[in-house]
N, C-alpha and C. Protein backbone atom coordinates (compact mmCIF):
# COMPACT_ATOMS: atom_id res chain seq x y z
N MET A 1 18.58 277.27 195.78
CA MET A 1 18.69 275.73 195.44
C MET A 1 18.46 274.99 196.77
N LYS A 2 17.37 275.13 197.46
CA LYS A 2 17.11 274.38 198.70
C LYS A 2 16.97 273.01 198.53
N GLY A 3 17.72 272.27 199.34
CA GLY A 3 17.74 270.62 199.21
C GLY A 3 18.72 270.20 198.28
N ASP A 4 19.41 271.08 197.42
CA ASP A 4 20.52 270.43 196.66
C ASP A 4 21.75 270.08 197.38
N ARG A 5 22.34 269.03 197.10
CA ARG A 5 23.56 268.64 197.67
C ARG A 5 24.76 268.70 196.67
N ILE A 6 25.79 269.14 197.25
CA ILE A 6 27.07 269.23 196.45
C ILE A 6 27.97 267.98 196.89
N VAL A 7 28.46 267.33 195.77
CA VAL A 7 29.34 266.13 196.04
C VAL A 7 30.56 266.49 195.31
N THR A 8 31.54 266.28 196.00
CA THR A 8 32.98 266.42 195.45
C THR A 8 33.61 265.15 195.22
N ILE A 9 34.15 264.88 194.07
CA ILE A 9 34.66 263.66 193.54
C ILE A 9 36.06 263.94 193.24
N SER A 10 37.00 263.11 193.96
CA SER A 10 38.42 263.24 193.64
C SER A 10 38.92 262.08 192.72
N LEU A 11 39.38 262.47 191.61
CA LEU A 11 39.89 261.65 190.49
C LEU A 11 41.19 261.60 190.25
N PRO A 12 42.11 260.68 190.84
CA PRO A 12 43.71 260.88 190.63
C PRO A 12 44.02 260.60 189.11
N LEU A 13 44.61 261.49 188.65
CA LEU A 13 45.09 261.29 187.11
C LEU A 13 46.63 261.23 187.06
N GLN A 14 47.12 260.69 186.00
CA GLN A 14 48.54 260.78 185.74
C GLN A 14 48.73 262.08 185.06
N PRO A 15 49.92 262.69 185.18
CA PRO A 15 50.07 263.97 184.57
C PRO A 15 49.73 264.10 183.08
N GLN A 16 49.94 262.98 182.39
CA GLN A 16 49.66 262.97 180.93
C GLN A 16 48.12 263.01 180.65
N GLN A 17 47.50 262.44 181.70
CA GLN A 17 45.94 262.42 181.49
C GLN A 17 45.28 263.78 181.84
N GLU A 18 46.00 264.33 182.76
CA GLU A 18 45.59 265.78 183.11
C GLU A 18 45.68 266.70 181.97
N ALA A 19 46.90 266.46 181.30
CA ALA A 19 47.13 267.39 180.22
C ALA A 19 46.35 267.22 179.18
N ARG A 20 45.82 266.01 178.82
CA ARG A 20 44.98 265.70 177.86
C ARG A 20 43.69 266.34 178.09
N LEU A 21 43.26 266.08 179.33
CA LEU A 21 41.92 266.70 179.84
C LEU A 21 41.94 268.23 179.61
N VAL A 22 42.88 268.81 180.09
CA VAL A 22 42.92 270.35 179.80
C VAL A 22 42.94 270.72 178.31
N ALA A 23 43.75 269.94 177.53
CA ALA A 23 43.71 270.21 176.19
C ALA A 23 42.45 270.05 175.51
N VAL A 24 41.69 268.99 176.02
CA VAL A 24 40.25 268.79 175.22
C VAL A 24 39.43 269.94 175.82
N ALA A 25 39.51 270.26 177.01
CA ALA A 25 38.56 271.23 177.66
C ALA A 25 38.84 272.58 176.81
N ARG A 26 39.95 272.89 176.67
CA ARG A 26 40.28 274.25 175.93
C ARG A 26 39.87 274.28 174.65
N ALA A 27 40.05 272.98 173.82
CA ALA A 27 39.63 273.05 172.49
C ALA A 27 38.28 273.06 172.32
N LYS A 28 37.48 272.63 173.28
CA LYS A 28 35.96 272.77 173.24
C LYS A 28 35.51 274.18 173.92
N GLY A 29 36.58 274.96 174.47
CA GLY A 29 36.04 276.20 175.08
C GLY A 29 35.44 276.05 176.26
N LEU A 30 35.82 274.93 177.09
CA LEU A 30 35.22 274.74 178.35
C LEU A 30 36.30 274.58 179.44
N SER A 31 35.88 274.84 180.69
CA SER A 31 36.69 274.47 181.85
C SER A 31 36.70 272.97 182.05
N THR A 32 37.83 272.53 182.68
CA THR A 32 37.94 270.99 182.95
C THR A 32 36.75 270.67 183.65
N ASP A 33 36.15 271.38 184.69
CA ASP A 33 35.12 270.96 185.39
C ASP A 33 33.82 270.81 184.45
N ALA A 34 33.70 271.80 183.66
CA ALA A 34 32.49 271.60 182.76
C ALA A 34 32.65 270.47 181.78
N LEU A 35 33.85 270.11 181.47
CA LEU A 35 34.05 269.07 180.44
C LEU A 35 33.62 267.72 181.23
N VAL A 36 34.17 267.58 182.30
CA VAL A 36 33.85 266.37 183.15
C VAL A 36 32.46 266.30 183.44
N ARG A 37 31.80 267.27 183.69
CA ARG A 37 30.29 267.40 184.14
C ARG A 37 29.62 266.93 182.85
N GLU A 38 29.92 267.42 181.69
CA GLU A 38 29.32 266.91 180.36
C GLU A 38 29.43 265.49 180.32
N ALA A 39 30.60 264.96 180.49
CA ALA A 39 30.93 263.42 180.26
C ALA A 39 29.82 262.87 181.24
N LEU A 40 29.91 263.26 182.39
CA LEU A 40 29.05 262.62 183.58
C LEU A 40 27.56 262.65 183.29
N GLU A 41 26.91 263.69 182.59
CA GLU A 41 25.63 263.87 182.16
C GLU A 41 25.37 262.83 181.21
N ARG A 42 26.32 262.73 180.22
CA ARG A 42 26.21 261.52 179.11
C ARG A 42 25.96 260.15 179.85
N ILE A 43 26.97 259.90 180.73
CA ILE A 43 26.91 258.56 181.40
C ILE A 43 25.57 258.46 182.20
N LEU A 44 25.06 259.63 182.93
CA LEU A 44 24.00 259.44 183.61
C LEU A 44 22.61 259.34 182.80
N ALA A 45 22.66 259.98 181.76
CA ALA A 45 21.50 259.75 180.86
C ALA A 45 21.37 258.32 180.14
N GLU A 46 22.54 257.65 179.88
CA GLU A 46 22.73 256.32 179.36
C GLU A 46 22.23 255.28 180.52
N ALA A 47 22.59 255.70 181.86
CA ALA A 47 22.31 254.91 183.07
C ALA A 47 20.71 254.93 183.17
N SER A 48 19.99 255.99 182.68
CA SER A 48 18.53 256.00 183.07
C SER A 48 17.88 255.08 182.30
N ALA A 49 18.49 254.44 181.36
CA ALA A 49 17.76 253.30 180.66
C ALA A 49 17.93 252.09 181.37
N VAL A 50 18.81 252.01 182.41
CA VAL A 50 18.94 250.78 183.23
C VAL A 50 17.95 250.77 184.33
N PRO A 51 17.01 249.71 184.48
CA PRO A 51 15.97 249.65 185.44
C PRO A 51 16.57 249.55 186.86
N ALA A 52 16.05 250.46 187.74
CA ALA A 52 16.58 250.50 189.19
C ALA A 52 16.05 249.23 189.86
N SER A 53 16.98 248.86 190.84
CA SER A 53 16.48 247.55 191.58
C SER A 53 15.59 247.93 192.67
N SER A 54 14.60 247.16 192.97
CA SER A 54 13.66 247.44 194.02
C SER A 54 13.99 246.65 195.28
N GLY A 55 15.07 246.05 195.31
CA GLY A 55 15.41 245.44 196.53
C GLY A 55 17.04 245.18 196.46
N PRO A 56 17.39 244.24 197.54
CA PRO A 56 18.84 243.84 197.49
C PRO A 56 19.37 243.30 196.28
N VAL A 57 20.53 243.51 195.89
CA VAL A 57 21.11 242.99 194.79
C VAL A 57 22.02 241.71 195.17
N SER A 58 21.84 240.65 194.67
CA SER A 58 22.57 239.57 195.03
C SER A 58 23.93 239.47 194.31
N GLY A 59 24.91 238.63 194.61
CA GLY A 59 26.19 238.52 193.89
C GLY A 59 25.87 238.07 192.47
N VAL A 60 24.98 237.15 192.28
CA VAL A 60 24.77 236.82 190.87
C VAL A 60 24.39 237.87 190.01
N VAL A 61 23.45 238.66 190.50
CA VAL A 61 22.96 239.82 189.70
C VAL A 61 24.11 240.84 189.40
N LEU A 62 24.88 240.96 190.56
CA LEU A 62 25.97 241.90 190.30
C LEU A 62 27.07 241.45 189.28
N VAL A 63 27.36 240.11 189.31
CA VAL A 63 28.38 239.59 188.34
C VAL A 63 27.70 239.68 186.94
N ALA A 64 26.38 239.37 186.86
CA ALA A 64 25.89 239.43 185.49
C ALA A 64 25.79 240.80 184.87
N THR A 65 25.60 241.80 185.83
CA THR A 65 25.54 243.25 185.36
C THR A 65 27.05 243.46 184.89
N MET A 66 28.07 243.21 185.75
CA MET A 66 29.42 243.45 185.40
C MET A 66 29.81 242.71 184.01
N GLN A 67 29.40 241.59 183.68
CA GLN A 67 29.59 240.72 182.67
C GLN A 67 29.12 241.56 181.31
N GLU A 68 28.06 242.33 181.60
CA GLU A 68 27.50 243.10 180.46
C GLU A 68 28.19 244.47 180.17
N SER A 69 29.19 244.78 181.03
CA SER A 69 29.90 246.06 180.93
C SER A 69 30.82 245.98 179.69
N PRO A 70 31.38 247.11 179.20
CA PRO A 70 32.32 247.21 178.25
C PRO A 70 33.68 246.46 178.59
N CYS A 71 33.93 246.33 179.77
CA CYS A 71 35.11 245.77 180.11
C CYS A 71 35.23 244.19 180.42
N ARG A 72 34.75 243.60 179.31
CA ARG A 72 34.69 242.13 179.24
C ARG A 72 35.85 241.22 179.70
N GLU A 73 36.93 241.85 179.43
CA GLU A 73 38.28 241.19 179.64
C GLU A 73 38.53 240.81 181.23
N ILE A 74 37.67 241.39 182.17
CA ILE A 74 37.77 241.08 183.57
C ILE A 74 37.33 239.66 183.70
N GLY A 75 36.48 238.97 182.92
CA GLY A 75 36.02 237.81 182.92
C GLY A 75 35.45 237.12 184.30
N LEU A 76 34.54 237.77 184.93
CA LEU A 76 34.05 237.38 186.27
C LEU A 76 33.07 236.37 185.98
N GLU A 77 33.08 235.24 186.79
CA GLU A 77 32.05 234.16 186.75
C GLU A 77 31.91 233.72 188.07
N VAL A 78 30.49 233.34 188.24
CA VAL A 78 30.11 232.75 189.63
C VAL A 78 30.52 231.36 189.73
N PRO A 79 31.19 231.01 190.81
CA PRO A 79 31.64 229.68 190.94
C PRO A 79 30.38 228.68 191.14
N ARG A 80 30.43 227.56 190.35
CA ARG A 80 29.26 226.69 190.48
C ARG A 80 29.30 225.58 191.46
N ASP A 81 30.54 225.31 191.89
CA ASP A 81 30.70 224.26 193.01
C ASP A 81 30.54 224.92 194.40
N ARG A 82 30.31 223.90 195.33
CA ARG A 82 30.12 224.60 196.67
C ARG A 82 31.45 224.48 197.27
N PRO A 83 31.69 225.58 198.21
CA PRO A 83 33.06 225.75 198.88
C PRO A 83 33.06 224.67 199.82
N PRO A 84 34.46 224.33 200.15
CA PRO A 84 34.59 223.12 201.13
C PRO A 84 34.14 223.66 202.47
N VAL A 85 33.53 222.75 203.18
CA VAL A 85 32.89 222.96 204.53
C VAL A 85 33.73 221.98 205.52
N ARG A 86 34.16 222.71 206.58
CA ARG A 86 34.93 222.09 207.63
C ARG A 86 33.91 221.50 208.68
N ASP A 87 34.27 220.25 209.23
CA ASP A 87 33.49 219.76 210.28
C ASP A 87 33.65 220.57 211.58
N VAL A 88 32.77 221.03 212.13
CA VAL A 88 32.96 221.84 213.37
C VAL A 88 32.12 221.17 214.66
N ARG A 89 32.74 220.83 215.57
CA ARG A 89 32.17 220.18 216.67
C ARG A 89 32.12 221.17 217.86
N PHE A 90 30.99 221.23 218.59
CA PHE A 90 30.87 222.15 219.74
C PHE A 90 30.87 221.35 221.06
């Protein structure tokens, strides 16, 4: 597997979350690693439908993307008024 990179992700879980993860993995006959990898593959497959950006992403684009997320209760909005500017003399 020349050129492959291995990435390690640390995911802090509460004890009850870990217990549920282990129980679900066992019920499916998988290791916890395999179960998480399976979930990650589903997420990445869904993400492939999202067009990749060809350049820098502005804050407006980022906020719009986050507003389209399933976590709508966050309620991010771009402020429309200009921030206050102080008079600076040199």
